[in-house]
Amino acid sequence: MNDIVIEHQPAQQRFVLNVNSATALLEYQLTGQSIDFYHTYVPPEFRGQGLAEQLVTHALTWAKSAGYQPSASCSYVKRFI
């Protein structure tokens, strides 16, 4: 897990991070210039390793650079906003 690669999949409105054969993800919904991060998932065997935090940090950086106003209906993402 040394090289973490986060992939943005805009058609599915999500960011994904593949670890071995498992996938962690952060899903969002766009409405105009607003972006709502509503769901974060990390497979149980990879929890507690900072993967969700990396997803959220990456996604928020992207959203701000793209000019979106971020919000979170996901309780985990709310900690970062």
N, C-alpha and C. Protein backbone atom coordinates (compact mmCIF):
# COMPACT_ATOMS: atom_id res chain seq x y z
N MET A 1 0.83 -1.20 0.00
CA MET A 1 0.00 0.00 0.00
C MET A 1 0.87 1.26 0.00
N ASN A 2 2.08 1.17 -0.48
CA ASN A 2 2.96 2.32 -0.49
C ASN A 2 2.51 3.37 -1.49
N ASP A 3 2.13 2.94 -2.69
CA ASP A 3 1.73 3.88 -3.72
C ASP A 3 0.21 3.96 -3.79
N ILE A 4 -0.33 4.96 -3.14
CA ILE A 4 -1.78 5.17 -3.13
C ILE A 4 -2.15 5.98 -4.36
N VAL A 5 -3.05 5.44 -5.17
CA VAL A 5 -3.54 6.14 -6.35
C VAL A 5 -5.04 6.31 -6.20
N ILE A 6 -5.47 7.56 -6.22
CA ILE A 6 -6.90 7.86 -6.13
C ILE A 6 -7.37 8.25 -7.52
N GLU A 7 -8.39 7.57 -7.99
CA GLU A 7 -8.93 7.81 -9.32
C GLU A 7 -10.26 8.55 -9.22
N HIS A 8 -10.38 9.63 -9.97
CA HIS A 8 -11.65 10.35 -10.04
C HIS A 8 -12.45 9.78 -11.19
N GLN A 9 -13.67 9.36 -10.91
CA GLN A 9 -14.56 8.83 -11.93
C GLN A 9 -15.76 9.77 -12.04
N PRO A 10 -15.62 10.86 -12.80
CA PRO A 10 -16.68 11.88 -12.85
C PRO A 10 -18.02 11.35 -13.37
N ALA A 11 -18.02 10.40 -14.29
CA ALA A 11 -19.29 9.88 -14.81
C ALA A 11 -20.09 9.20 -13.71
N GLN A 12 -19.39 8.59 -12.74
CA GLN A 12 -20.06 7.93 -11.61
C GLN A 12 -20.13 8.84 -10.39
N GLN A 13 -19.58 10.04 -10.50
CA GLN A 13 -19.53 11.02 -9.41
C GLN A 13 -18.94 10.39 -8.15
N ARG A 14 -17.69 9.92 -8.29
CA ARG A 14 -17.02 9.30 -7.14
C ARG A 14 -15.50 9.33 -7.32
N PHE A 15 -14.83 9.16 -6.20
CA PHE A 15 -13.40 8.96 -6.15
C PHE A 15 -13.17 7.55 -5.62
N VAL A 16 -12.25 6.82 -6.23
CA VAL A 16 -11.99 5.45 -5.79
C VAL A 16 -10.51 5.24 -5.51
N LEU A 17 -10.26 4.34 -4.59
CA LEU A 17 -8.91 3.97 -4.20
C LEU A 17 -8.91 2.45 -4.12
N ASN A 18 -8.16 1.81 -5.00
CA ASN A 18 -8.11 0.35 -5.03
C ASN A 18 -6.96 -0.14 -4.17
N VAL A 19 -7.26 -1.07 -3.28
CA VAL A 19 -6.27 -1.69 -2.41
C VAL A 19 -6.39 -3.19 -2.60
N ASN A 20 -5.32 -3.79 -3.14
CA ASN A 20 -5.37 -5.21 -3.48
C ASN A 20 -6.58 -5.45 -4.37
N SER A 21 -7.50 -6.29 -3.96
CA SER A 21 -8.69 -6.53 -4.79
C SER A 21 -9.92 -5.81 -4.24
N ALA A 22 -9.72 -4.90 -3.28
CA ALA A 22 -10.83 -4.18 -2.66
C ALA A 22 -10.84 -2.72 -3.11
N THR A 23 -11.99 -2.08 -2.97
CA THR A 23 -12.14 -0.69 -3.39
C THR A 23 -12.73 0.15 -2.28
N ALA A 24 -12.04 1.25 -1.98
CA ALA A 24 -12.59 2.27 -1.07
C ALA A 24 -13.13 3.37 -1.96
N LEU A 25 -14.19 4.05 -1.52
CA LEU A 25 -14.75 5.09 -2.38
C LEU A 25 -15.36 6.23 -1.59
N LEU A 26 -15.48 7.35 -2.29
CA LEU A 26 -16.14 8.55 -1.79
C LEU A 26 -17.06 9.02 -2.90
N GLU A 27 -18.36 9.04 -2.64
CA GLU A 27 -19.34 9.42 -3.65
C GLU A 27 -19.85 10.83 -3.39
N TYR A 28 -20.20 11.51 -4.48
CA TYR A 28 -20.70 12.88 -4.37
C TYR A 28 -21.83 13.14 -5.35
N GLN A 29 -22.51 14.25 -5.11
CA GLN A 29 -23.61 14.70 -5.97
C GLN A 29 -23.37 16.16 -6.30
N LEU A 30 -23.37 16.49 -7.59
CA LEU A 30 -23.21 17.88 -8.02
C LEU A 30 -24.57 18.52 -8.25
N THR A 31 -24.70 19.76 -7.78
CA THR A 31 -25.88 20.57 -8.04
C THR A 31 -25.38 21.98 -8.32
N GLY A 32 -25.33 22.35 -9.59
CA GLY A 32 -24.78 23.66 -9.94
C GLY A 32 -23.32 23.73 -9.52
N GLN A 33 -23.00 24.73 -8.70
CA GLN A 33 -21.63 24.89 -8.20
C GLN A 33 -21.44 24.28 -6.82
N SER A 34 -22.43 23.54 -6.35
CA SER A 34 -22.33 22.88 -5.05
C SER A 34 -22.02 21.40 -5.24
N ILE A 35 -21.23 20.88 -4.33
CA ILE A 35 -20.92 19.45 -4.35
C ILE A 35 -21.16 18.89 -2.95
N ASP A 36 -21.97 17.85 -2.89
CA ASP A 36 -22.30 17.20 -1.61
C ASP A 36 -21.63 15.84 -1.58
N PHE A 37 -20.72 15.68 -0.63
CA PHE A 37 -20.09 14.37 -0.42
C PHE A 37 -21.01 13.59 0.51
N TYR A 38 -21.62 12.52 0.00
CA TYR A 38 -22.68 11.86 0.76
C TYR A 38 -22.36 10.45 1.22
N HIS A 39 -21.26 9.84 0.72
CA HIS A 39 -21.01 8.45 1.13
C HIS A 39 -19.53 8.12 1.04
N THR A 40 -18.99 7.60 2.12
CA THR A 40 -17.62 7.13 2.16
C THR A 40 -17.64 5.66 2.57
N TYR A 41 -16.86 4.85 1.87
CA TYR A 41 -16.80 3.43 2.21
C TYR A 41 -15.36 2.93 2.11
N VAL A 42 -14.92 2.24 3.13
CA VAL A 42 -13.63 1.55 3.13
C VAL A 42 -13.92 0.11 3.55
N PRO A 43 -13.41 -0.88 2.80
CA PRO A 43 -13.63 -2.28 3.17
C PRO A 43 -13.14 -2.54 4.60
N PRO A 44 -13.85 -3.35 5.36
CA PRO A 44 -13.52 -3.58 6.77
C PRO A 44 -12.06 -3.93 7.03
N GLU A 45 -11.47 -4.73 6.17
CA GLU A 45 -10.09 -5.17 6.41
C GLU A 45 -9.06 -4.05 6.23
N PHE A 46 -9.48 -2.90 5.67
CA PHE A 46 -8.56 -1.78 5.46
C PHE A 46 -8.91 -0.55 6.29
N ARG A 47 -9.87 -0.68 7.18
CA ARG A 47 -10.26 0.46 8.01
C ARG A 47 -9.19 0.76 9.04
N GLY A 48 -9.12 2.01 9.46
CA GLY A 48 -8.16 2.42 10.46
C GLY A 48 -6.77 2.67 9.91
N GLN A 49 -6.63 2.72 8.59
CA GLN A 49 -5.32 2.93 7.96
C GLN A 49 -5.22 4.27 7.26
N GLY A 50 -6.24 5.13 7.43
CA GLY A 50 -6.18 6.47 6.86
C GLY A 50 -6.64 6.58 5.42
N LEU A 51 -7.23 5.52 4.87
CA LEU A 51 -7.65 5.56 3.47
C LEU A 51 -8.80 6.53 3.24
N ALA A 52 -9.77 6.53 4.13
CA ALA A 52 -10.91 7.45 3.98
C ALA A 52 -10.42 8.90 4.05
N GLU A 53 -9.51 9.17 4.96
CA GLU A 53 -8.98 10.53 5.09
C GLU A 53 -8.26 10.95 3.80
N GLN A 54 -7.51 10.04 3.21
CA GLN A 54 -6.84 10.36 1.95
C GLN A 54 -7.84 10.65 0.84
N LEU A 55 -8.90 9.86 0.77
CA LEU A 55 -9.95 10.09 -0.22
C LEU A 55 -10.58 11.46 -0.03
N VAL A 56 -10.95 11.77 1.21
CA VAL A 56 -11.63 13.03 1.50
C VAL A 56 -10.71 14.22 1.21
N THR A 57 -9.48 14.15 1.66
CA THR A 57 -8.54 15.24 1.42
C THR A 57 -8.35 15.48 -0.08
N HIS A 58 -8.18 14.41 -0.81
CA HIS A 58 -8.00 14.51 -2.26
C HIS A 58 -9.23 15.12 -2.92
N ALA A 59 -10.41 14.62 -2.55
CA ALA A 59 -11.66 15.09 -3.16
C ALA A 59 -11.94 16.55 -2.83
N LEU A 60 -11.69 16.96 -1.59
CA LEU A 60 -11.92 18.36 -1.22
C LEU A 60 -10.96 19.29 -1.94
N THR A 61 -9.72 18.87 -2.10
CA THR A 61 -8.75 19.67 -2.85
C THR A 61 -9.21 19.83 -4.29
N TRP A 62 -9.66 18.74 -4.90
CA TRP A 62 -10.17 18.80 -6.27
C TRP A 62 -11.38 19.72 -6.35
N ALA A 63 -12.34 19.56 -5.44
CA ALA A 63 -13.57 20.36 -5.48
C ALA A 63 -13.28 21.85 -5.38
N LYS A 64 -12.40 22.22 -4.48
CA LYS A 64 -12.06 23.63 -4.31
C LYS A 64 -11.35 24.18 -5.54
N SER A 65 -10.43 23.40 -6.11
CA SER A 65 -9.71 23.87 -7.29
C SER A 65 -10.63 23.97 -8.50
N ALA A 66 -11.71 23.18 -8.52
CA ALA A 66 -12.68 23.23 -9.61
C ALA A 66 -13.75 24.29 -9.38
N GLY A 67 -13.70 24.98 -8.24
CA GLY A 67 -14.64 26.06 -7.97
C GLY A 67 -15.96 25.63 -7.35
N TYR A 68 -16.03 24.42 -6.84
CA TYR A 68 -17.26 23.95 -6.21
C TYR A 68 -17.31 24.36 -4.74
N GLN A 69 -18.51 24.55 -4.24
CA GLN A 69 -18.74 24.84 -2.84
C GLN A 69 -19.05 23.50 -2.16
N PRO A 70 -18.12 22.97 -1.35
CA PRO A 70 -18.33 21.65 -0.77
C PRO A 70 -19.26 21.65 0.44
N SER A 71 -20.02 20.57 0.54
CA SER A 71 -20.83 20.30 1.72
C SER A 71 -20.78 18.79 1.93
N ALA A 72 -21.29 18.35 3.07
CA ALA A 72 -21.24 16.92 3.36
C ALA A 72 -22.48 16.46 4.09
N SER A 73 -23.17 15.51 3.50
CA SER A 73 -24.23 14.82 4.24
C SER A 73 -23.66 13.54 4.83
N CYS A 74 -22.42 13.20 4.49
CA CYS A 74 -21.70 12.09 5.11
C CYS A 74 -21.06 12.58 6.40
N SER A 75 -21.35 11.90 7.50
CA SER A 75 -20.84 12.34 8.79
C SER A 75 -19.30 12.34 8.85
N TYR A 76 -18.67 11.41 8.16
CA TYR A 76 -17.21 11.37 8.17
C TYR A 76 -16.62 12.59 7.48
N VAL A 77 -17.17 12.95 6.32
CA VAL A 77 -16.64 14.09 5.56
C VAL A 77 -16.88 15.40 6.29
N LYS A 78 -17.97 15.49 7.07
CA LYS A 78 -18.27 16.71 7.83
C LYS A 78 -17.12 17.14 8.71
N ARG A 79 -16.33 16.20 9.21
CA ARG A 79 -15.19 16.51 10.07
C ARG A 79 -14.13 17.36 9.35
N PHE A 80 -14.11 17.29 8.04
CA PHE A 80 -13.07 17.96 7.26
C PHE A 80 -13.52 19.31 6.69
N ILE A 81 -14.81 19.59 6.80
CA ILE A 81 -15.35 20.84 6.21
C ILE A 81 -15.54 21.89 7.29
